[in-house]
Amino acid sequence: MGDHPDIAAFVASFDYLTSPFNTGALFFPKTPTSRLLDIQNLIAHHRKTAEWTQLVEAGVQIAKWSADDPLADVFLLQFGGFPDPTETGIDYEQLLAQATNATVITIAPDSAVPADILNHPCLALLCSYDLKPHYSSAAGWIYPGVYAGHSDEIEDLINFWNLRACGIRLLFLDLAVLDRTVELRTAYIERLRQDLSGHEGLRKLPVIWSRNDLEPNARKAIGDEFAVCQIGSGSWNGHNIRPHLMHLGGESSLGVVGGDNASAHQFCT
């Protein structure tokens, strides 16, 4: 997050949460690599697969916008972005462009967000590429739809981030500037309704997620043909919203157990 004294003090207050690194740095100082899995690993592992070829053929897009755009934070959460190479020592955008022939789509300030952006893989999609829910995952309230809020409210941004991190398909709609997302919203909801058409009951309906105090305005502004899920203090109590347990796949491994008084046993996991 940074090295501000307030952040350092907050982290230090949880002394039982230790850093996995010998130092606090996420990137190695002398080599352009991260200490954790990142998009470099993704490209190296998948770029020769048929699935990756299909992704490239779909036309990967890197969305860009003005830093002073009122929806800048929403765009960053929705479409993804890369840190400045001077901060990381790695030019991630160049790496992705070389691996996918990615093109740049620019969202002009105060203009409508183009609906065509839904037809192309974006950085946010790559962040979850090949992640799958584990069969033992007891997820709950994983209802796709839209998040209605305000881009200048940190609580709305955090809610949106956390809901998507749970594996929920969402589009952020700023209630103050809905005119900028008319075409995008229409195309997104139409596609979502098609994907949900095979479900029954309320699961066939897209969901409006919003804070408790915004629910009436959200329903009025977006429409009545939606189910509604309100985000409040009880949403994260373990009984309502429960995220998927995600994984990157599995492998079989042969183990051998032996001892002085018993013959060796083999088992597979």
C-alpha atoms as a PDB file:
ATOM      1  CA  MET A   1       0.000   0.000   0.000  1.00  0.00           C
ATOM      2  CA  GLY A   2       2.865   2.383   0.663  1.00  0.00           C
ATOM      3  CA  ASP A   3       5.241   3.592   3.348  1.00  0.00           C
ATOM      4  CA  HIS A   4       3.161   6.330   4.986  1.00  0.00           C
ATOM      5  CA  PRO A   5       3.655   6.295   8.790  1.00  0.00           C
ATOM      6  CA  ASP A   6      -0.079   5.737   9.370  1.00  0.00           C
ATOM      7  CA  ILE A   7      -0.015   2.638   7.147  1.00  0.00           C
ATOM      8  CA  ALA A   8       3.107   1.321   8.862  1.00  0.00           C
ATOM      9  CA  ALA A   9       1.510   1.793  12.276  1.00  0.00           C
ATOM     10  CA  PHE A  10      -1.677   0.024  11.158  1.00  0.00           C
ATOM     11  CA  VAL A  11       0.265  -2.971   9.825  1.00  0.00           C
ATOM     12  CA  ALA A  12       2.456  -3.134  12.942  1.00  0.00           C
ATOM     13  CA  SER A  13      -0.633  -3.336  15.165  1.00  0.00           C
ATOM     14  CA  PHE A  14      -1.239  -6.863  13.832  1.00  0.00           C
ATOM     15  CA  ASP A  15       2.019  -8.410  14.984  1.00  0.00           C
ATOM     16  CA  TYR A  16       0.723 -11.948  14.378  1.00  0.00           C
ATOM     17  CA  LEU A  17       0.428 -11.235  10.630  1.00  0.00           C
ATOM     18  CA  THR A  18       3.996 -11.596   9.459  1.00  0.00           C
ATOM     19  CA  SER A  19       5.297 -10.606   6.044  1.00  0.00           C
ATOM     20  CA  PRO A  20       6.119 -13.505   3.703  1.00  0.00           C
ATOM     21  CA  PHE A  21       9.164 -11.591   2.481  1.00  0.00           C
ATOM     22  CA  ASN A  22      12.554 -11.096   4.109  1.00  0.00           C
ATOM     23  CA  THR A  23      12.084  -7.442   3.290  1.00  0.00           C
ATOM     24  CA  GLY A  24       8.936  -5.454   2.757  1.00  0.00           C
ATOM     25  CA  ALA A  25       9.612  -5.071  -0.969  1.00  0.00           C
ATOM     26  CA  LEU A  26       7.310  -6.775  -3.457  1.00  0.00           C
ATOM     27  CA  PHE A  27       9.840  -6.560  -6.288  1.00  0.00           C
ATOM     28  CA  PHE A  28      13.437  -7.740  -6.347  1.00  0.00           C
ATOM     29  CA  PRO A  29      15.652  -4.658  -6.469  1.00  0.00           C
ATOM     30  CA  LYS A  30      18.130  -5.831  -9.126  1.00  0.00           C
ATOM     31  CA  THR A  31      16.023  -8.012 -11.392  1.00  0.00           C
ATOM     32  CA  PRO A  32      12.678  -7.095 -13.002  1.00  0.00           C
ATOM     33  CA  THR A  33      10.680  -9.814 -11.270  1.00  0.00           C
ATOM     34  CA  SER A  34       8.040  -9.951  -8.561  1.00  0.00           C
ATOM     35  CA  ARG A  35       8.260 -12.080  -5.429  1.00  0.00           C
ATOM     36  CA  LEU A  36       4.701 -13.281  -6.156  1.00  0.00           C
ATOM     37  CA  LEU A  37       2.945 -14.711  -9.190  1.00  0.00           C
ATOM     38  CA  ASP A  38       2.133 -11.992 -11.684  1.00  0.00           C
ATOM     39  CA  ILE A  39       1.260 -11.571 -15.346  1.00  0.00           C
ATOM     40  CA  GLN A  40       4.766 -12.637 -16.391  1.00  0.00           C
ATOM     41  CA  ASN A  41       4.070 -16.110 -15.006  1.00  0.00           C
ATOM     42  CA  LEU A  42       0.676 -16.140 -16.704  1.00  0.00           C
ATOM     43  CA  ILE A  43       2.150 -15.333 -20.108  1.00  0.00           C
ATOM     44  CA  ALA A  44       5.017 -17.824 -19.780  1.00  0.00           C
ATOM     45  CA  HIS A  45       2.692 -20.650 -18.700  1.00  0.00           C
ATOM     46  CA  HIS A  46      -0.181 -20.175 -21.144  1.00  0.00           C
ATOM     47  CA  ARG A  47       1.074 -18.434 -24.265  1.00  0.00           C
ATOM     48  CA  LYS A  48       1.495 -21.688 -26.240  1.00  0.00           C
ATOM     49  CA  THR A  49      -1.924 -23.093 -25.342  1.00  0.00           C
ATOM     50  CA  ALA A  50      -5.025 -23.109 -27.542  1.00  0.00           C
ATOM     51  CA  GLU A  51      -6.943 -21.151 -24.902  1.00  0.00           C
ATOM     52  CA  TRP A  52      -4.384 -18.360 -24.973  1.00  0.00           C
ATOM     53  CA  THR A  53      -4.542 -18.251 -28.764  1.00  0.00           C
ATOM     54  CA  GLN A  54      -8.312 -17.770 -28.541  1.00  0.00           C
ATOM     55  CA  LEU A  55      -7.828 -14.965 -26.023  1.00  0.00           C
ATOM     56  CA  VAL A  56      -5.354 -13.201 -28.333  1.00  0.00           C
ATOM     57  CA  GLU A  57      -7.698 -13.612 -31.304  1.00  0.00           C
ATOM     58  CA  ALA A  58     -10.497 -11.983 -29.276  1.00  0.00           C
ATOM     59  CA  GLY A  59      -8.393  -8.796 -29.249  1.00  0.00           C
ATOM     60  CA  VAL A  60      -7.006  -7.902 -25.818  1.00  0.00           C
ATOM     61  CA  GLN A  61      -7.597  -4.248 -24.971  1.00  0.00           C
ATOM     62  CA  ILE A  62      -5.876  -1.981 -22.491  1.00  0.00           C
ATOM     63  CA  ALA A  63      -8.297   0.706 -21.342  1.00  0.00           C
ATOM     64  CA  LYS A  64      -6.884   4.151 -20.543  1.00  0.00           C
ATOM     65  CA  TRP A  65      -8.457   7.315 -19.225  1.00  0.00           C
ATOM     66  CA  SER A  66      -7.563  10.718 -17.867  1.00  0.00           C
ATOM     67  CA  ALA A  67      -6.341  10.838 -14.280  1.00  0.00           C
ATOM     68  CA  ASP A  68      -8.822  13.632 -13.547  1.00  0.00           C
ATOM     69  CA  ASP A  69     -11.814  11.718 -14.922  1.00  0.00           C
ATOM     70  CA  PRO A  70     -14.480  11.515 -12.162  1.00  0.00           C
ATOM     71  CA  LEU A  71     -14.763   7.765 -12.848  1.00  0.00           C
ATOM     72  CA  ALA A  72     -11.003   7.120 -12.871  1.00  0.00           C
ATOM     73  CA  ASP A  73     -11.064   4.929  -9.749  1.00  0.00           C
ATOM     74  CA  VAL A  74     -14.052   2.977 -11.062  1.00  0.00           C
ATOM     75  CA  PHE A  75     -12.299   2.361 -14.390  1.00  0.00           C
ATOM     76  CA  LEU A  76      -9.222   1.125 -12.561  1.00  0.00           C
ATOM     77  CA  LEU A  77     -11.297  -1.370 -10.563  1.00  0.00           C
ATOM     78  CA  GLN A  78     -13.449  -2.392 -13.531  1.00  0.00           C
ATOM     79  CA  PHE A  79     -10.887  -2.672 -16.326  1.00  0.00           C
ATOM     80  CA  GLY A  80      -7.555  -2.939 -14.508  1.00  0.00           C
ATOM     81  CA  GLY A  81      -4.298  -1.046 -14.898  1.00  0.00           C
ATOM     82  CA  PHE A  82      -0.552  -1.375 -14.526  1.00  0.00           C
ATOM     83  CA  PRO A  83       1.745   0.473 -12.098  1.00  0.00           C
ATOM     84  CA  ASP A  84       4.309   2.887 -13.465  1.00  0.00           C
ATOM     85  CA  PRO A  85       7.464   1.043 -14.619  1.00  0.00           C
ATOM     86  CA  THR A  86       9.564   3.465 -12.574  1.00  0.00           C
ATOM     87  CA  GLU A  87       7.936   2.064  -9.420  1.00  0.00           C
ATOM     88  CA  THR A  88       8.324  -1.625 -10.260  1.00  0.00           C
ATOM     89  CA  GLY A  89      11.220  -1.824 -12.679  1.00  0.00           C
ATOM     90  CA  ILE A  90       8.911  -3.805 -14.991  1.00  0.00           C
ATOM     91  CA  ASP A  91       7.042  -2.481 -18.011  1.00  0.00           C
ATOM     92  CA  TYR A  92       4.000  -4.748 -17.721  1.00  0.00           C
ATOM     93  CA  GLU A  93       2.118  -2.989 -20.510  1.00  0.00           C
ATOM     94  CA  GLN A  94       4.934  -3.662 -22.966  1.00  0.00           C
ATOM     95  CA  LEU A  95       5.101  -7.310 -21.884  1.00  0.00           C
ATOM     96  CA  LEU A  96       1.391  -7.756 -22.468  1.00  0.00           C
ATOM     97  CA  ALA A  97       1.482  -5.933 -25.810  1.00  0.00           C
ATOM     98  CA  GLN A  98       4.266  -8.219 -27.041  1.00  0.00           C
ATOM     99  CA  ALA A  99       2.452 -11.380 -25.898  1.00  0.00           C
ATOM    100  CA  THR A 100      -1.042 -10.510 -27.121  1.00  0.00           C
ATOM    101  CA  ASN A 101      -0.765  -7.644 -29.627  1.00  0.00           C
ATOM    102  CA  ALA A 102      -3.003  -5.735 -27.240  1.00  0.00           C
ATOM    103  CA  THR A 103      -4.517  -2.468 -28.415  1.00  0.00           C
ATOM    104  CA  VAL A 104      -5.282   0.633 -26.367  1.00  0.00           C
ATOM    105  CA  ILE A 105      -8.823   1.986 -26.046  1.00  0.00           C
ATOM    106  CA  THR A 106      -9.105   5.501 -24.650  1.00  0.00           C
ATOM    107  CA  ILE A 107     -12.102   6.634 -22.617  1.00  0.00           C
ATOM    108  CA  ALA A 108     -12.405  10.395 -23.046  1.00  0.00           C
ATOM    109  CA  PRO A 109     -13.317  12.515 -19.999  1.00  0.00           C
ATOM    110  CA  ASP A 110     -17.052  13.050 -19.504  1.00  0.00           C
ATOM    111  CA  SER A 111     -17.826  10.883 -22.557  1.00  0.00           C
ATOM    112  CA  ALA A 112     -19.834   7.679 -22.805  1.00  0.00           C
ATOM    113  CA  VAL A 113     -17.993   4.454 -22.048  1.00  0.00           C
ATOM    114  CA  PRO A 114     -18.018   2.435 -25.307  1.00  0.00           C
ATOM    115  CA  ALA A 115     -20.079  -0.767 -25.093  1.00  0.00           C
ATOM    116  CA  ASP A 116     -17.608  -2.517 -27.418  1.00  0.00           C
ATOM    117  CA  ILE A 117     -15.213  -2.789 -24.500  1.00  0.00           C
ATOM    118  CA  LEU A 118     -17.292  -5.766 -23.338  1.00  0.00           C
ATOM    119  CA  ASN A 119     -16.336  -7.692 -26.465  1.00  0.00           C
ATOM    120  CA  HIS A 120     -12.632  -7.818 -25.681  1.00  0.00           C
ATOM    121  CA  PRO A 121     -10.528  -9.292 -22.864  1.00  0.00           C
ATOM    122  CA  CYS A 122      -9.212  -6.624 -20.487  1.00  0.00           C
ATOM    123  CA  LEU A 123      -6.562  -6.559 -17.787  1.00  0.00           C
ATOM    124  CA  ALA A 124      -9.074  -7.342 -15.050  1.00  0.00           C
ATOM    125  CA  LEU A 125      -9.982 -10.566 -16.871  1.00  0.00           C
ATOM    126  CA  LEU A 126      -6.335 -11.589 -17.054  1.00  0.00           C
ATOM    127  CA  CYS A 127      -6.031 -11.173 -13.281  1.00  0.00           C
ATOM    128  CA  SER A 128      -8.480 -14.054 -12.835  1.00  0.00           C
ATOM    129  CA  TYR A 129      -7.412 -16.051 -15.887  1.00  0.00           C
ATOM    130  CA  ASP A 130      -7.585 -19.824 -15.316  1.00  0.00           C
ATOM    131  CA  LEU A 131      -8.797 -19.427 -11.721  1.00  0.00           C
ATOM    132  CA  LYS A 132     -11.611 -21.888 -11.011  1.00  0.00           C
ATOM    133  CA  PRO A 133     -13.893 -22.496  -8.012  1.00  0.00           C
ATOM    134  CA  HIS A 134     -12.895 -25.604  -6.064  1.00  0.00           C
ATOM    135  CA  TYR A 135     -15.565 -28.295  -5.872  1.00  0.00           C
ATOM    136  CA  SER A 136     -15.570 -28.051  -2.068  1.00  0.00           C
ATOM    137  CA  SER A 137     -16.312 -24.329  -2.158  1.00  0.00           C
ATOM    138  CA  ALA A 138     -19.458 -23.548  -0.121  1.00  0.00           C
ATOM    139  CA  ALA A 139     -20.022 -20.147  -1.690  1.00  0.00           C
ATOM    140  CA  GLY A 140     -23.122 -18.101  -1.000  1.00  0.00           C
ATOM    141  CA  TRP A 141     -24.821 -15.031  -2.433  1.00  0.00           C
ATOM    142  CA  ILE A 142     -22.743 -15.212  -5.623  1.00  0.00           C
ATOM    143  CA  TYR A 143     -25.306 -13.260  -7.626  1.00  0.00           C
ATOM    144  CA  PRO A 144     -24.121 -11.428 -10.766  1.00  0.00           C
ATOM    145  CA  GLY A 145     -25.481  -8.039 -11.697  1.00  0.00           C
ATOM    146  CA  VAL A 146     -24.546  -4.392 -11.181  1.00  0.00           C
ATOM    147  CA  TYR A 147     -23.174  -2.411  -8.263  1.00  0.00           C
ATOM    148  CA  ALA A 148     -24.941   0.930  -7.769  1.00  0.00           C
ATOM    149  CA  GLY A 149     -23.012   3.541  -5.846  1.00  0.00           C
ATOM    150  CA  HIS A 150     -20.875   6.656  -6.116  1.00  0.00           C
ATOM    151  CA  SER A 151     -17.344   6.755  -7.460  1.00  0.00           C
ATOM    152  CA  ASP A 152     -16.284   9.323  -4.845  1.00  0.00           C
ATOM    153  CA  GLU A 153     -17.369   7.105  -1.917  1.00  0.00           C
ATOM    154  CA  ILE A 154     -14.556   4.846  -0.716  1.00  0.00           C
ATOM    155  CA  GLU A 155     -17.069   2.447   0.848  1.00  0.00           C
ATOM    156  CA  ASP A 156     -18.655   1.819  -2.555  1.00  0.00           C
ATOM    157  CA  LEU A 157     -15.275   1.217  -4.179  1.00  0.00           C
ATOM    158  CA  ILE A 158     -14.276  -1.223  -1.431  1.00  0.00           C
ATOM    159  CA  ASN A 159     -17.611  -3.041  -1.614  1.00  0.00           C
ATOM    160  CA  PHE A 160     -17.305  -3.385  -5.383  1.00  0.00           C
ATOM    161  CA  TRP A 161     -13.749  -4.710  -5.115  1.00  0.00           C
ATOM    162  CA  ASN A 162     -14.624  -7.226  -2.403  1.00  0.00           C
ATOM    163  CA  LEU A 163     -17.727  -8.503  -4.184  1.00  0.00           C
ATOM    164  CA  ARG A 164     -15.806  -9.118  -7.392  1.00  0.00           C
ATOM    165  CA  ALA A 165     -13.020 -10.757  -5.402  1.00  0.00           C
ATOM    166  CA  CYS A 166     -15.662 -13.214  -4.172  1.00  0.00           C
ATOM    167  CA  GLY A 167     -16.199 -14.297  -7.775  1.00  0.00           C
ATOM    168  CA  ILE A 168     -19.270 -12.152  -8.476  1.00  0.00           C
ATOM    169  CA  ARG A 169     -19.681 -10.745 -11.987  1.00  0.00           C
ATOM    170  CA  LEU A 170     -20.454  -7.036 -11.616  1.00  0.00           C
ATOM    171  CA  LEU A 171     -20.526  -3.744 -13.468  1.00  0.00           C
ATOM    172  CA  PHE A 172     -20.122  -0.539 -11.418  1.00  0.00           C
ATOM    173  CA  LEU A 173     -22.765   2.098 -12.097  1.00  0.00           C
ATOM    174  CA  ASP A 174     -22.267   5.573 -10.667  1.00  0.00           C
ATOM    175  CA  LEU A 175     -25.742   6.859  -9.828  1.00  0.00           C
ATOM    176  CA  ALA A 176     -24.618  10.457 -10.359  1.00  0.00           C
ATOM    177  CA  VAL A 177     -23.488   9.948 -13.980  1.00  0.00           C
ATOM    178  CA  LEU A 178     -25.601   7.104 -15.324  1.00  0.00           C
ATOM    179  CA  ASP A 179     -25.723   8.835 -18.710  1.00  0.00           C
ATOM    180  CA  ARG A 180     -22.080   7.855 -19.326  1.00  0.00           C
ATOM    181  CA  THR A 181     -22.874   4.151 -19.132  1.00  0.00           C
ATOM    182  CA  VAL A 182     -26.221   3.872 -20.953  1.00  0.00           C
ATOM    183  CA  GLU A 183     -24.948   1.832 -23.914  1.00  0.00           C
ATOM    184  CA  LEU A 184     -22.493  -0.108 -21.795  1.00  0.00           C
ATOM    185  CA  ARG A 185     -25.164  -0.936 -19.214  1.00  0.00           C
ATOM    186  CA  THR A 186     -27.690  -1.997 -21.849  1.00  0.00           C
ATOM    187  CA  ALA A 187     -25.253  -4.341 -23.599  1.00  0.00           C
ATOM    188  CA  TYR A 188     -23.964  -5.771 -20.321  1.00  0.00           C
ATOM    189  CA  ILE A 189     -27.418  -6.492 -18.856  1.00  0.00           C
ATOM    190  CA  GLU A 190     -28.680  -7.995 -22.118  1.00  0.00           C
ATOM    191  CA  ARG A 191     -25.731 -10.385 -22.188  1.00  0.00           C
ATOM    192  CA  LEU A 192     -26.127 -11.182 -18.503  1.00  0.00           C
ATOM    193  CA  ARG A 193     -29.823 -11.991 -18.917  1.00  0.00           C
ATOM    194  CA  GLN A 194     -28.944 -14.435 -21.688  1.00  0.00           C
ATOM    195  CA  ASP A 195     -26.370 -16.130 -19.461  1.00  0.00           C
ATOM    196  CA  LEU A 196     -28.881 -16.411 -16.597  1.00  0.00           C
ATOM    197  CA  SER A 197     -31.787 -17.632 -18.733  1.00  0.00           C
ATOM    198  CA  GLY A 198     -31.127 -21.263 -17.861  1.00  0.00           C
ATOM    199  CA  HIS A 199     -31.628 -20.653 -14.132  1.00  0.00           C
ATOM    200  CA  GLU A 200     -34.905 -20.725 -12.220  1.00  0.00           C
ATOM    201  CA  GLY A 201     -36.706 -18.296  -9.948  1.00  0.00           C
ATOM    202  CA  LEU A 202     -34.833 -15.297  -8.654  1.00  0.00           C
ATOM    203  CA  ARG A 203     -31.558 -16.648 -10.005  1.00  0.00           C
ATOM    204  CA  LYS A 204     -32.743 -15.699 -13.481  1.00  0.00           C
ATOM    205  CA  LEU A 205     -32.702 -12.018 -12.497  1.00  0.00           C
ATOM    206  CA  PRO A 206     -29.645  -9.768 -12.509  1.00  0.00           C
ATOM    207  CA  VAL A 207     -29.038  -8.278  -9.069  1.00  0.00           C
ATOM    208  CA  ILE A 208     -28.598  -4.683  -7.975  1.00  0.00           C
ATOM    209  CA  TRP A 209     -25.972  -4.558  -5.219  1.00  0.00           C
ATOM    210  CA  SER A 210     -25.899  -1.369  -3.177  1.00  0.00           C
ATOM    211  CA  ARG A 211     -25.472   0.059   0.280  1.00  0.00           C
ATOM    212  CA  ASN A 212     -28.609  -0.044   2.421  1.00  0.00           C
ATOM    213  CA  ASP A 213     -29.170   3.711   2.215  1.00  0.00           C
ATOM    214  CA  LEU A 214     -28.824   3.778  -1.589  1.00  0.00           C
ATOM    215  CA  GLU A 215     -31.177   0.892  -2.404  1.00  0.00           C
ATOM    216  CA  PRO A 216     -34.335   2.998  -3.102  1.00  0.00           C
ATOM    217  CA  ASN A 217     -32.451   5.377  -5.389  1.00  0.00           C
ATOM    218  CA  ALA A 218     -30.670   2.506  -7.104  1.00  0.00           C
ATOM    219  CA  ARG A 219     -33.874   0.644  -7.881  1.00  0.00           C
ATOM    220  CA  LYS A 220     -35.561   3.812  -9.136  1.00  0.00           C
ATOM    221  CA  ALA A 221     -32.617   4.768 -11.358  1.00  0.00           C
ATOM    222  CA  ILE A 222     -31.791   1.347 -12.806  1.00  0.00           C
ATOM    223  CA  GLY A 223     -35.175  -0.400 -12.961  1.00  0.00           C
ATOM    224  CA  ASP A 224     -37.523  -2.789 -11.198  1.00  0.00           C
ATOM    225  CA  GLU A 225     -36.712  -5.951 -13.175  1.00  0.00           C
ATOM    226  CA  PHE A 226     -33.866  -6.791 -10.829  1.00  0.00           C
ATOM    227  CA  ALA A 227     -33.422  -8.590  -7.563  1.00  0.00           C
ATOM    228  CA  VAL A 228     -31.760  -6.493  -4.850  1.00  0.00           C
ATOM    229  CA  CYS A 229     -28.924  -7.333  -2.447  1.00  0.00           C
ATOM    230  CA  GLN A 230     -28.076  -4.725   0.160  1.00  0.00           C
ATOM    231  CA  ILE A 231     -24.568  -4.418   1.583  1.00  0.00           C
ATOM    232  CA  GLY A 232     -24.531  -3.817   5.318  1.00  0.00           C
ATOM    233  CA  SER A 233     -22.742  -4.825   8.490  1.00  0.00           C
ATOM    234  CA  GLY A 234     -24.214  -8.329   8.360  1.00  0.00           C
ATOM    235  CA  SER A 235     -23.246  -9.082   4.777  1.00  0.00           C
ATOM    236  CA  TRP A 236     -19.828 -10.465   5.711  1.00  0.00           C
ATOM    237  CA  ASN A 237     -20.831 -12.505   8.791  1.00  0.00           C
ATOM    238  CA  GLY A 238     -20.036 -15.816   7.086  1.00  0.00           C
ATOM    239  CA  HIS A 239     -23.675 -16.743   6.580  1.00  0.00           C
ATOM    240  CA  ASN A 240     -24.563 -14.423   3.688  1.00  0.00           C
ATOM    241  CA  ILE A 241     -21.806 -13.519   1.232  1.00  0.00           C
ATOM    242  CA  ARG A 242     -19.302 -16.364   1.107  1.00  0.00           C
ATOM    243  CA  PRO A 243     -16.561 -16.267  -1.543  1.00  0.00           C
ATOM    244  CA  HIS A 244     -15.550 -19.132  -3.756  1.00  0.00           C
ATOM    245  CA  LEU A 245     -12.419 -21.044  -2.814  1.00  0.00           C
ATOM    246  CA  MET A 246     -10.393 -20.588  -5.985  1.00  0.00           C
ATOM    247  CA  HIS A 247      -7.522 -22.642  -7.353  1.00  0.00           C
ATOM    248  CA  LEU A 248      -5.251 -22.873 -10.393  1.00  0.00           C
ATOM    249  CA  GLY A 249      -5.703 -26.599 -10.980  1.00  0.00           C
ATOM    250  CA  GLY A 250      -4.470 -29.814  -9.413  1.00  0.00           C
ATOM    251  CA  GLU A 251      -1.849 -32.484  -9.927  1.00  0.00           C
ATOM    252  CA  SER A 252      -1.482 -36.102  -8.828  1.00  0.00           C
ATOM    253  CA  SER A 253       1.419 -37.000  -6.576  1.00  0.00           C
ATOM    254  CA  LEU A 254       2.708 -40.417  -5.496  1.00  0.00           C
ATOM    255  CA  GLY A 255       3.688 -40.757  -1.848  1.00  0.00           C
ATOM    256  CA  VAL A 256       5.501 -43.643  -0.141  1.00  0.00           C
ATOM    257  CA  VAL A 257       5.286 -44.412   3.584  1.00  0.00           C
ATOM    258  CA  GLY A 258       7.628 -46.955   5.128  1.00  0.00           C
ATOM    259  CA  GLY A 259       8.833 -48.149   8.503  1.00  0.00           C
ATOM    260  CA  ASP A 260      10.885 -50.813  10.277  1.00  0.00           C
ATOM    261  CA  ASN A 261       7.896 -52.964  11.238  1.00  0.00           C
ATOM    262  CA  ALA A 262       5.673 -52.459   8.206  1.00  0.00           C
ATOM    263  CA  SER A 263       5.926 -52.853   4.480  1.00  0.00           C
ATOM    264  CA  ALA A 264       5.959 -49.731   2.398  1.00  0.00           C
ATOM    265  CA  HIS A 265       2.620 -48.291   1.343  1.00  0.00           C
ATOM    266  CA  GLN A 266       1.879 -46.197  -1.686  1.00  0.00           C
ATOM    267  CA  PHE A 267      -0.878 -43.698  -2.051  1.00  0.00           C
ATOM    268  CA  CYS A 268      -1.893 -41.027  -4.485  1.00  0.00           C
ATOM    269  CA  THR A 269      -3.295 -37.590  -3.764  1.00  0.00           C
END
